[in-house]
N, C-alpha and C. Protein backbone atom coordinates (compact mmCIF):
# COMPACT_ATOMS: atom_id res chain seq x y z
N UNK A 1 0.88 -1.07 0.05
CA UNK A 1 -0.07 -0.05 -0.13
C UNK A 1 0.92 1.37 0.02
N UNK A 2 0.63 2.13 -0.75
CA UNK A 2 1.28 3.45 -0.96
C UNK A 2 0.50 4.65 -0.25
N UNK A 3 1.05 5.66 -0.14
CA UNK A 3 0.31 6.62 0.70
C UNK A 3 -0.89 7.04 -0.23
N UNK A 4 -1.98 7.87 0.28
CA UNK A 4 -3.16 8.05 -0.48
C UNK A 4 -3.71 9.31 0.22
N UNK A 5 -4.49 10.25 -0.62
CA UNK A 5 -5.19 11.41 -0.21
C UNK A 5 -6.42 10.71 0.74
N UNK A 6 -6.61 11.37 1.92
CA UNK A 6 -7.78 11.01 2.55
C UNK A 6 -8.75 12.06 2.78
N UNK A 7 -8.22 13.30 2.54
CA UNK A 7 -9.07 14.45 3.12
C UNK A 7 -8.61 15.66 2.31
N UNK A 8 -9.40 16.56 1.69
CA UNK A 8 -9.08 17.80 1.11
C UNK A 8 -10.07 18.94 1.32
N UNK A 9 -9.44 19.84 2.50
CA UNK A 9 -10.52 21.04 2.99
C UNK A 9 -10.34 22.10 2.04
N UNK A 10 -9.58 22.10 1.12
CA UNK A 10 -9.57 23.36 0.21
C UNK A 10 -8.19 24.11 0.66
N UNK A 11 -7.97 24.13 2.13
CA UNK A 11 -6.65 24.86 2.58
C UNK A 11 -5.74 23.94 2.98
N UNK A 12 -6.04 22.69 3.05
CA UNK A 12 -5.09 21.71 3.57
C UNK A 12 -5.75 20.40 3.00
N UNK A 13 -4.58 19.39 2.69
CA UNK A 13 -4.76 18.15 2.19
C UNK A 13 -4.12 17.25 3.12
N UNK A 14 -4.91 16.07 3.48
CA UNK A 14 -4.24 15.05 4.53
C UNK A 14 -3.91 13.83 3.55
N UNK A 15 -2.73 13.37 3.74
CA UNK A 15 -2.36 12.11 2.96
C UNK A 15 -2.07 10.93 4.15
N UNK A 16 -2.63 9.87 3.96
CA UNK A 16 -2.47 8.74 4.85
C UNK A 16 -1.39 7.90 4.30
N UNK A 17 -0.25 7.83 5.25
CA UNK A 17 1.00 6.99 4.79
C UNK A 17 0.73 5.65 5.16
N UNK A 18 1.55 4.57 4.58
CA UNK A 18 1.45 3.15 4.88
C UNK A 18 1.51 2.86 6.26
N UNK A 19 2.28 3.52 7.15
CA UNK A 19 2.59 3.35 8.53
C UNK A 19 1.48 3.75 9.29
N UNK A 20 0.51 4.57 8.77
CA UNK A 20 -0.62 4.98 9.50
C UNK A 20 -0.49 6.58 9.79
N UNK A 21 0.56 7.11 9.68
CA UNK A 21 0.93 8.47 9.87
C UNK A 21 0.14 9.21 8.81
N UNK A 22 -0.20 10.49 9.27
CA UNK A 22 -0.98 11.27 8.39
C UNK A 22 -0.20 12.58 8.34
N UNK A 23 0.17 13.01 6.97
CA UNK A 23 1.01 14.11 6.52
C UNK A 23 -0.11 15.17 6.03
N UNK A 24 0.05 16.44 6.56
CA UNK A 24 -0.75 17.55 5.89
C UNK A 24 -0.07 18.27 4.76
N UNK A 25 -0.58 18.44 3.68
CA UNK A 25 0.13 19.20 2.61
C UNK A 25 -0.77 20.50 2.31
N UNK A 26 -0.05 21.44 1.81
CA UNK A 26 -0.89 22.60 1.61
C UNK A 26 -1.51 22.69 0.28
N UNK A 27 -1.48 21.81 -0.73
CA UNK A 27 -2.18 21.61 -1.92
C UNK A 27 -2.14 20.26 -2.49
N UNK A 28 -3.14 20.03 -3.33
CA UNK A 28 -3.49 18.69 -3.97
C UNK A 28 -2.04 18.37 -4.60
N UNK A 29 -1.42 19.22 -5.34
CA UNK A 29 -0.22 19.00 -6.00
C UNK A 29 0.92 18.32 -4.99
N UNK A 30 1.03 19.22 -4.08
CA UNK A 30 2.10 18.71 -2.83
C UNK A 30 1.57 17.45 -2.34
N UNK A 31 0.43 17.17 -2.20
CA UNK A 31 -0.23 15.80 -1.62
C UNK A 31 0.23 14.71 -2.76
N UNK A 32 0.11 15.05 -3.95
CA UNK A 32 0.35 13.97 -5.12
C UNK A 32 1.75 13.71 -4.93
N UNK A 33 2.70 14.70 -4.83
CA UNK A 33 3.98 14.55 -4.56
C UNK A 33 4.64 13.56 -3.55
N UNK A 34 3.96 13.89 -2.52
CA UNK A 34 4.03 12.83 -1.45
C UNK A 34 3.58 11.33 -1.54
N UNK A 35 2.48 11.49 -2.33
CA UNK A 35 2.05 10.09 -2.70
C UNK A 35 3.08 9.31 -3.62
N UNK A 36 3.46 10.20 -4.53
CA UNK A 36 4.51 9.75 -5.41
C UNK A 36 5.79 9.24 -4.87
N UNK A 37 6.24 9.98 -4.00
CA UNK A 37 7.37 9.61 -3.12
C UNK A 37 7.33 8.34 -2.24
N UNK A 38 6.16 8.36 -1.71
CA UNK A 38 5.90 6.96 -0.87
C UNK A 38 5.89 5.69 -1.82
N UNK A 39 5.24 5.99 -3.10
CA UNK A 39 5.28 4.70 -4.00
C UNK A 39 6.77 4.60 -4.58
N UNK A 40 7.37 5.54 -4.67
CA UNK A 40 8.71 5.29 -5.36
C UNK A 40 9.72 4.60 -4.21
N UNK A 41 9.46 5.03 -2.95
CA UNK A 41 10.21 4.36 -1.93
C UNK A 41 9.85 2.80 -1.65
N UNK A 42 8.71 2.52 -1.74
CA UNK A 42 8.31 1.23 -1.71
C UNK A 42 8.80 0.42 -3.01
N UNK A 43 8.71 1.03 -4.21
CA UNK A 43 9.38 0.28 -5.21
C UNK A 43 10.58 0.04 -5.12
N UNK A 44 11.42 0.91 -4.41
CA UNK A 44 12.70 0.73 -4.39
C UNK A 44 13.26 -0.23 -3.39
N UNK A 45 12.34 -0.91 -2.64
CA UNK A 45 12.45 -1.98 -1.75
C UNK A 45 12.53 -1.49 -0.18
N UNK A 46 11.99 -0.24 0.11
CA UNK A 46 12.09 0.10 1.41
C UNK A 46 10.77 -0.35 1.98
N UNK A 47 9.76 -0.87 1.66
CA UNK A 47 8.79 -1.38 2.17
C UNK A 47 7.98 -0.43 3.09
N UNK A 48 7.66 -0.84 4.32
CA UNK A 48 6.84 -0.08 5.22
C UNK A 48 7.82 0.98 5.57
N UNK A 49 7.09 2.15 5.22
CA UNK A 49 7.89 3.49 5.83
C UNK A 49 7.23 4.00 7.00
N UNK A 50 8.07 4.03 8.07
CA UNK A 50 7.48 4.31 9.35
C UNK A 50 7.15 6.02 9.55
N UNK A 51 8.31 6.63 9.24
CA UNK A 51 8.09 8.19 9.32
C UNK A 51 8.78 9.01 8.21
N UNK A 52 8.12 9.51 7.48
CA UNK A 52 8.73 10.36 6.61
C UNK A 52 8.50 11.90 6.87
N UNK A 53 9.28 12.98 6.78
CA UNK A 53 9.05 14.15 7.17
C UNK A 53 9.40 14.96 5.84
N UNK A 54 8.10 15.58 5.25
CA UNK A 54 7.97 16.33 4.09
C UNK A 54 7.82 17.76 4.18
N UNK A 55 8.41 18.35 5.53
CA UNK A 55 8.36 19.56 5.83
C UNK A 55 9.47 20.32 5.23
N UNK A 56 9.20 21.47 4.79
CA UNK A 56 10.19 22.28 4.14
C UNK A 56 11.25 22.66 5.29
N UNK A 57 12.38 23.08 4.66
CA UNK A 57 13.56 23.57 5.67
C UNK A 57 13.04 24.59 6.57
N UNK A 58 12.26 25.52 5.98
CA UNK A 58 11.79 26.82 6.87
C UNK A 58 10.62 26.22 7.85
N UNK A 59 9.92 25.37 7.52
CA UNK A 59 8.71 24.74 8.64
C UNK A 59 9.72 23.97 9.73
N UNK A 60 10.67 23.22 9.32
CA UNK A 60 11.52 22.65 10.34
C UNK A 60 12.27 23.63 11.12
N UNK A 61 12.84 24.64 10.75
CA UNK A 61 13.41 25.64 11.58
C UNK A 61 12.25 26.41 12.38
N UNK A 62 11.07 26.57 12.14
CA UNK A 62 10.07 26.96 13.02
C UNK A 62 9.98 26.09 14.22
N UNK A 63 10.00 24.76 13.93
CA UNK A 63 9.67 23.78 15.07
C UNK A 63 10.77 23.67 15.89
N UNK A 64 12.12 24.03 15.48
CA UNK A 64 13.25 23.97 16.32
C UNK A 64 13.35 24.87 17.48
């Protein structure tokens, strides 16, 4: 199973990851990129992906 979009509120899009984690994206395009990255990683043999951090460097700096 790969990541898939589970909710689109217009201002945010929620992606359900194979690990059960949910990732918030700011747009459908960004959400589709996350889904594609999830699929690519699984096809490369990474299997179950526990945690992926798709935040931008600026968002990571805000949290630090």
